[in-house]
Amino acid sequence: MTIIEPHVHMLARTTDEYQAMYRAGIRACVEPSFWLGTNRRYPGSFFDAFHLVLDFECVRAARYGIDHYCAIAMNPKEAEDKVLAKEVIDGIGPYLDHPRCVAVGEIGFNLITPNEEEALVRQLQIAEERKMPVVLHTPHQNKLKGTLRILDIIKNGHFTVERIDVDHNTEETIKYTLDSGCYAGMTVYPFSKLSPERVSAMVRQYGSRRVMVNSSADWGISDPLSLVRVVERLRLDGHPESTVQDLVFNNAMAFYSASPKWKPDFEIVPPDPITYQHR
């Protein structure tokens, strides 16, 4: 089956993994902005990273049959520096205009601080003005508290919930996210976050409407084939094929289609690796 990976950090992954994703049926992906392993000190460092993912990573992915799009933002882990955050957010416009940018993200909370909230609200406002989808990061610690605060901000700010994906949900948060009207992301990691079994149980309880599954694969112990494992688990557990299709294709298509730039090509044919010459 054809799969869309709606949240993955392929800058951190290898070309072998792109090839494995293609063989497994993954044909399109979205890469949100993220922490690169150490805090950046200058606005230009962010802009260089945006340029890299928009103008190189999308090309690298296509070499292996994957149509790659991006979400661009000041991530919450580095938003504690108010001066830096303001300069980055002030300069983000041209990158959001890029034909490969289909969303603002990922934004949200890391430690749930006032400075993080200021960056979150400002970028939600930018996304609302531009009518762009948003990928929202819920914190690793105090997840319920952070998720509820995010949902309050969305409600009180009258932001368009149909264009917002509140990601990294667990059993304690997903009902609140779905009740808000936002899309609900589930992240599958081998040793943290959700397992395919937990995803299956949550879908059994809450259904598949407005639910997306992702790998959020990055520098750490993570798996860009997580969605393939989820499909296998869902089928083993007897979920209807329509549910499987919703979780790994239909809902991502619907969510990102809020951007007119989202036009994934599922028929990209990778070149023969033997004859392909790197340029």
Protein backbone atom coordinates (compact mmCIF):
# COMPACT_ATOMS: atom_id res chain seq x y z
CA MET A 1 0.00 0.00 0.00
CA THR A 2 1.02 3.64 -0.44
CA ILE A 3 2.00 5.36 2.81
CA ILE A 4 2.52 9.03 3.72
CA GLU A 5 4.97 9.71 6.56
CA PRO A 6 3.57 12.97 8.03
CA HIS A 7 6.39 13.72 10.51
CA VAL A 8 9.95 12.51 10.06
CA HIS A 9 13.40 14.13 10.38
CA MET A 10 15.22 12.72 7.37
CA LEU A 11 18.19 15.07 7.74
CA ALA A 12 19.19 12.67 10.51
CA ARG A 13 18.75 9.52 8.42
CA THR A 14 20.71 7.66 5.74
CA THR A 15 20.15 7.00 2.07
CA ASP A 16 19.78 3.29 2.88
CA GLU A 17 16.76 4.21 4.98
CA TYR A 18 15.22 6.19 2.12
CA GLN A 19 15.59 3.07 -0.04
CA ALA A 20 13.99 0.90 2.67
CA MET A 21 11.12 3.36 3.00
CA TYR A 22 10.51 3.26 -0.74
CA ARG A 23 10.53 -0.54 -0.80
CA ALA A 24 8.01 -0.55 2.07
CA GLY A 25 5.56 1.69 0.19
CA ILE A 26 6.34 5.11 1.70
CA ARG A 27 6.07 7.58 -1.16
CA ALA A 28 5.77 11.01 0.48
CA CYS A 29 6.90 12.61 3.73
CA VAL A 30 6.87 15.89 5.64
CA GLU A 31 9.93 17.01 7.61
CA PRO A 32 9.29 19.57 10.37
CA SER A 33 12.04 21.80 11.72
CA PHE A 34 13.70 20.36 14.80
CA TRP A 35 16.52 20.60 17.30
CA LEU A 36 19.80 19.57 15.69
CA GLY A 37 21.43 18.21 18.84
CA THR A 38 22.83 21.47 20.21
CA ASN A 39 21.27 24.89 20.59
CA ARG A 40 21.96 27.28 17.73
CA ARG A 41 23.40 30.66 18.71
CA TYR A 42 22.64 32.83 15.67
CA PRO A 43 19.56 33.45 13.49
CA GLY A 44 21.64 32.62 10.41
CA SER A 45 22.18 29.11 11.74
CA PHE A 46 18.42 28.56 11.62
CA PHE A 47 18.12 30.08 8.16
CA ASP A 48 20.93 27.88 6.83
CA ALA A 49 19.16 24.82 8.25
CA PHE A 50 15.88 25.87 6.62
CA HIS A 51 17.70 26.33 3.32
CA LEU A 52 19.32 22.90 3.66
CA VAL A 53 16.11 21.01 4.23
CA LEU A 54 14.10 22.92 1.60
CA ASP A 55 16.66 22.99 -1.20
CA PHE A 56 18.74 19.89 -0.62
CA GLU A 57 16.87 17.30 1.44
CA CYS A 58 13.87 17.38 -0.90
CA VAL A 59 16.22 16.67 -3.82
CA ARG A 60 18.02 13.90 -1.92
CA ALA A 61 14.69 12.21 -1.09
CA ALA A 62 13.52 12.28 -4.71
CA ARG A 63 16.67 10.40 -5.73
CA TYR A 64 15.24 7.46 -3.76
CA GLY A 65 11.60 7.78 -4.81
CA ILE A 66 10.23 9.85 -1.91
CA ASP A 67 8.36 13.14 -2.49
CA HIS A 68 9.62 15.28 0.39
CA TYR A 69 7.94 18.38 1.84
CA CYS A 70 8.82 20.51 4.88
CA ALA A 71 7.35 22.39 7.80
CA ILE A 72 9.37 25.42 8.93
CA ALA A 73 9.45 27.01 12.39
CA MET A 74 11.39 28.09 15.46
CA ASN A 75 11.27 24.88 17.50
CA PRO A 76 10.29 25.06 21.18
CA LYS A 77 13.52 23.57 22.53
CA GLU A 78 15.44 26.65 21.37
CA ALA A 79 12.73 29.25 21.99
CA GLU A 80 13.83 30.10 25.54
CA ASP A 81 16.21 32.75 24.16
CA LYS A 82 13.67 35.53 23.50
CA VAL A 83 15.97 37.72 21.43
CA LEU A 84 17.04 34.84 19.20
CA ALA A 85 13.46 33.57 18.85
CA LYS A 86 12.22 37.00 17.79
CA GLU A 87 14.91 37.38 15.14
CA VAL A 88 14.28 33.91 13.73
CA ILE A 89 10.50 34.32 13.65
CA ASP A 90 10.89 37.81 12.12
CA GLY A 91 12.88 36.26 9.27
CA ILE A 92 10.85 33.12 8.67
CA GLY A 93 8.55 34.47 5.94
CA PRO A 94 10.63 33.66 2.83
CA TYR A 95 11.05 30.07 3.98
CA LEU A 96 7.32 29.67 4.56
CA ASP A 97 6.84 30.95 0.98
CA HIS A 98 9.06 28.19 -0.43
CA PRO A 99 7.20 25.77 -2.75
CA ARG A 100 8.29 22.81 -0.60
CA CYS A 101 7.02 24.30 2.68
CA VAL A 102 3.48 23.09 3.43
CA ALA A 103 3.16 23.87 7.15
CA VAL A 104 4.44 25.79 10.16
CA GLY A 105 6.16 23.45 12.60
CA GLU A 106 7.07 21.99 14.70
CA ILE A 107 6.11 24.49 17.38
CA GLY A 108 4.79 23.94 20.89
CA PHE A 109 6.31 23.24 24.28
CA ASN A 110 9.48 21.72 25.66
CA LEU A 111 9.55 22.89 29.31
CA ILE A 112 6.25 24.82 29.17
CA THR A 113 7.79 28.23 29.89
CA PRO A 114 6.44 31.73 29.19
CA ASN A 115 9.12 32.30 26.54
CA GLU A 116 8.19 29.08 24.76
CA GLU A 117 4.54 30.12 24.89
CA GLU A 118 5.34 33.52 23.38
CA ALA A 119 7.08 31.86 20.40
CA LEU A 120 4.23 29.35 20.08
CA VAL A 121 1.50 32.00 20.00
CA ARG A 122 3.32 34.21 17.55
CA GLN A 123 3.87 31.34 15.11
CA LEU A 124 0.26 30.19 15.46
CA GLN A 125 -0.74 33.73 14.48
CA ILE A 126 1.54 33.64 11.44
CA ALA A 127 0.06 30.29 10.37
CA GLU A 128 -3.47 31.61 10.83
CA GLU A 129 -2.73 34.70 8.74
CA ARG A 130 -1.26 32.54 5.99
CA LYS A 131 -3.93 29.81 6.31
CA MET A 132 -1.18 27.21 6.71
CA PRO A 133 -1.33 23.84 8.51
CA VAL A 134 0.50 23.63 11.84
CA VAL A 135 2.46 20.76 13.41
CA LEU A 136 2.45 21.11 17.21
CA HIS A 137 4.91 19.42 19.56
CA THR A 138 3.60 18.32 22.96
CA PRO A 139 6.28 18.11 25.69
CA HIS A 140 8.07 14.90 26.67
CA GLN A 141 7.60 15.69 30.38
CA ASN A 142 4.32 16.92 31.89
CA LYS A 143 2.63 15.95 28.63
CA LEU A 144 -0.93 16.30 29.88
CA LYS A 145 -0.27 19.75 31.37
CA GLY A 146 1.47 20.91 28.19
CA THR A 147 -1.21 19.49 25.90
CA LEU A 148 -4.05 21.10 27.86
CA ARG A 149 -2.25 24.45 27.79
CA ILE A 150 -1.74 24.15 24.02
CA LEU A 151 -5.42 23.35 23.52
CA ASP A 152 -6.43 26.32 25.68
CA ILE A 153 -4.22 28.62 23.59
CA ILE A 154 -5.78 27.30 20.38
CA LYS A 155 -9.31 27.73 21.73
CA ASN A 156 -8.79 31.17 23.25
CA GLY A 157 -6.94 32.40 20.17
CA HIS A 158 -9.71 31.19 17.85
CA PHE A 159 -7.17 29.40 15.66
CA THR A 160 -8.52 27.12 12.94
CA VAL A 161 -8.48 23.65 14.49
CA GLU A 162 -8.89 21.86 11.15
CA ARG A 163 -5.42 23.07 10.19
CA ILE A 164 -3.68 22.02 13.43
CA ASP A 165 -2.05 18.67 14.19
CA VAL A 166 -1.33 18.27 17.91
CA ASP A 167 1.34 15.59 17.82
CA HIS A 168 2.94 12.99 20.12
CA ASN A 169 -0.32 12.07 21.87
CA THR A 170 -0.52 9.28 24.42
CA GLU A 171 -3.40 7.53 26.16
CA GLU A 172 -3.72 10.43 28.65
CA THR A 173 -3.99 13.20 26.03
CA ILE A 174 -5.65 11.89 22.88
CA LYS A 175 -9.26 12.33 24.01
CA TYR A 176 -8.64 15.99 24.82
CA THR A 177 -6.95 16.55 21.45
CA LEU A 178 -9.72 14.91 19.47
CA ASP A 179 -12.42 16.71 21.46
CA SER A 180 -10.75 20.02 20.54
CA GLY A 181 -11.35 19.40 16.83
CA CYS A 182 -7.62 19.28 16.03
CA TYR A 183 -5.91 16.42 14.28
CA ALA A 184 -4.22 14.02 16.70
CA GLY A 185 -0.75 12.70 15.93
CA MET A 186 0.60 9.45 17.38
CA THR A 187 4.36 8.87 17.36
CA VAL A 188 5.82 5.36 17.33
CA TYR A 189 9.34 4.82 18.73
CA PRO A 190 11.03 1.47 19.43
CA PHE A 191 11.78 2.23 23.11
CA SER A 192 9.79 5.33 24.01
CA LYS A 193 6.50 7.00 23.10
CA LEU A 194 4.03 4.53 21.54
CA SER A 195 4.35 0.97 20.30
CA PRO A 196 2.24 -0.36 17.40
CA GLU A 197 0.27 -2.34 20.00
CA ARG A 198 -0.58 0.83 21.95
CA VAL A 199 -1.58 2.60 18.72
CA SER A 200 -3.89 -0.29 17.86
CA ALA A 201 -5.55 -0.17 21.28
CA MET A 202 -6.00 3.62 21.14
CA VAL A 203 -7.53 3.44 17.68
CA ARG A 204 -9.86 0.70 18.89
CA GLN A 205 -11.07 3.04 21.63
CA TYR A 206 -11.09 6.40 19.85
CA GLY A 207 -11.38 5.56 16.15
CA SER A 208 -9.33 6.82 13.23
CA ARG A 209 -11.05 10.11 12.42
CA ARG A 210 -8.48 12.95 12.37
CA VAL A 211 -5.76 10.61 13.64
CA MET A 212 -2.33 10.35 11.98
CA VAL A 213 0.54 8.03 12.83
CA ASN A 214 4.19 9.05 12.38
CA SER A 215 7.69 7.88 13.21
CA SER A 216 9.22 11.29 14.03
CA ALA A 217 12.50 9.48 13.30
CA ASP A 218 15.55 11.58 14.12
CA TRP A 219 19.08 11.30 15.56
CA GLY A 220 18.02 9.02 18.41
CA ILE A 221 16.78 5.45 18.62
CA SER A 222 13.90 5.66 16.19
CA ASP A 223 12.62 3.86 13.11
CA PRO A 224 11.55 5.48 9.80
CA LEU A 225 9.64 2.25 9.06
CA SER A 226 7.42 2.60 12.15
CA LEU A 227 4.33 3.10 10.01
CA VAL A 228 4.94 -0.22 8.31
CA ARG A 229 4.99 -1.91 11.75
CA VAL A 230 1.75 -0.14 12.62
CA VAL A 231 0.04 -1.36 9.46
CA GLU A 232 1.10 -4.93 10.27
CA ARG A 233 -0.17 -4.64 13.86
CA LEU A 234 -3.50 -3.12 12.85
CA ARG A 235 -4.14 -5.90 10.37
CA LEU A 236 -3.18 -8.57 12.91
CA ASP A 237 -5.61 -7.01 15.37
CA GLY A 238 -8.45 -7.10 12.84
CA HIS A 239 -8.93 -3.41 12.16
CA PRO A 240 -10.78 -2.78 8.88
CA GLU A 241 -8.65 -1.81 5.92
CA SER A 242 -10.41 1.55 5.79
CA THR A 243 -9.03 2.34 9.27
CA VAL A 244 -5.51 1.39 8.19
CA GLN A 245 -5.85 3.60 5.12
CA ASP A 246 -7.05 6.53 7.22
CA LEU A 247 -4.12 6.32 9.65
CA VAL A 248 -1.27 6.10 7.16
CA PHE A 249 -2.63 7.86 4.07
CA ASN A 250 -6.09 9.48 3.98
CA ASN A 251 -5.84 11.68 7.06
CA ALA A 252 -2.39 12.99 6.17
CA MET A 253 -3.62 13.77 2.67
CA ALA A 254 -6.61 15.65 4.07
CA PHE A 255 -4.57 17.56 6.65
CA TYR A 256 -1.78 18.78 4.38
CA SER A 257 -4.20 19.51 1.53
CA ALA A 258 -5.00 22.73 3.42
CA SER A 259 -1.78 23.90 1.75
CA PRO A 260 -2.11 24.51 -2.00
CA LYS A 261 1.57 23.51 -2.30
CA TRP A 262 0.84 19.95 -1.13
CA LYS A 263 0.71 17.99 -4.40
CA PRO A 264 2.58 14.74 -3.69
CA ASP A 265 3.82 12.72 -6.62
CA PHE A 266 3.44 9.05 -5.71
CA GLU A 267 4.98 7.91 -8.98
CA ILE A 268 8.56 9.16 -8.58
CA VAL A 269 10.84 6.49 -10.00
CA PRO A 270 14.28 6.40 -8.34
CA PRO A 271 17.21 6.05 -10.73
CA ASP A 272 19.16 2.84 -10.99
CA PRO A 273 21.65 3.09 -8.09
CA ILE A 274 24.32 1.40 -10.20
CA THR A 275 24.21 4.00 -12.96
CA TYR A 276 23.22 7.03 -10.89
CA GLN A 277 26.02 9.56 -10.55
CA HIS A 278 25.95 11.85 -7.54
CA ARG A 279 26.00 15.53 -8.42
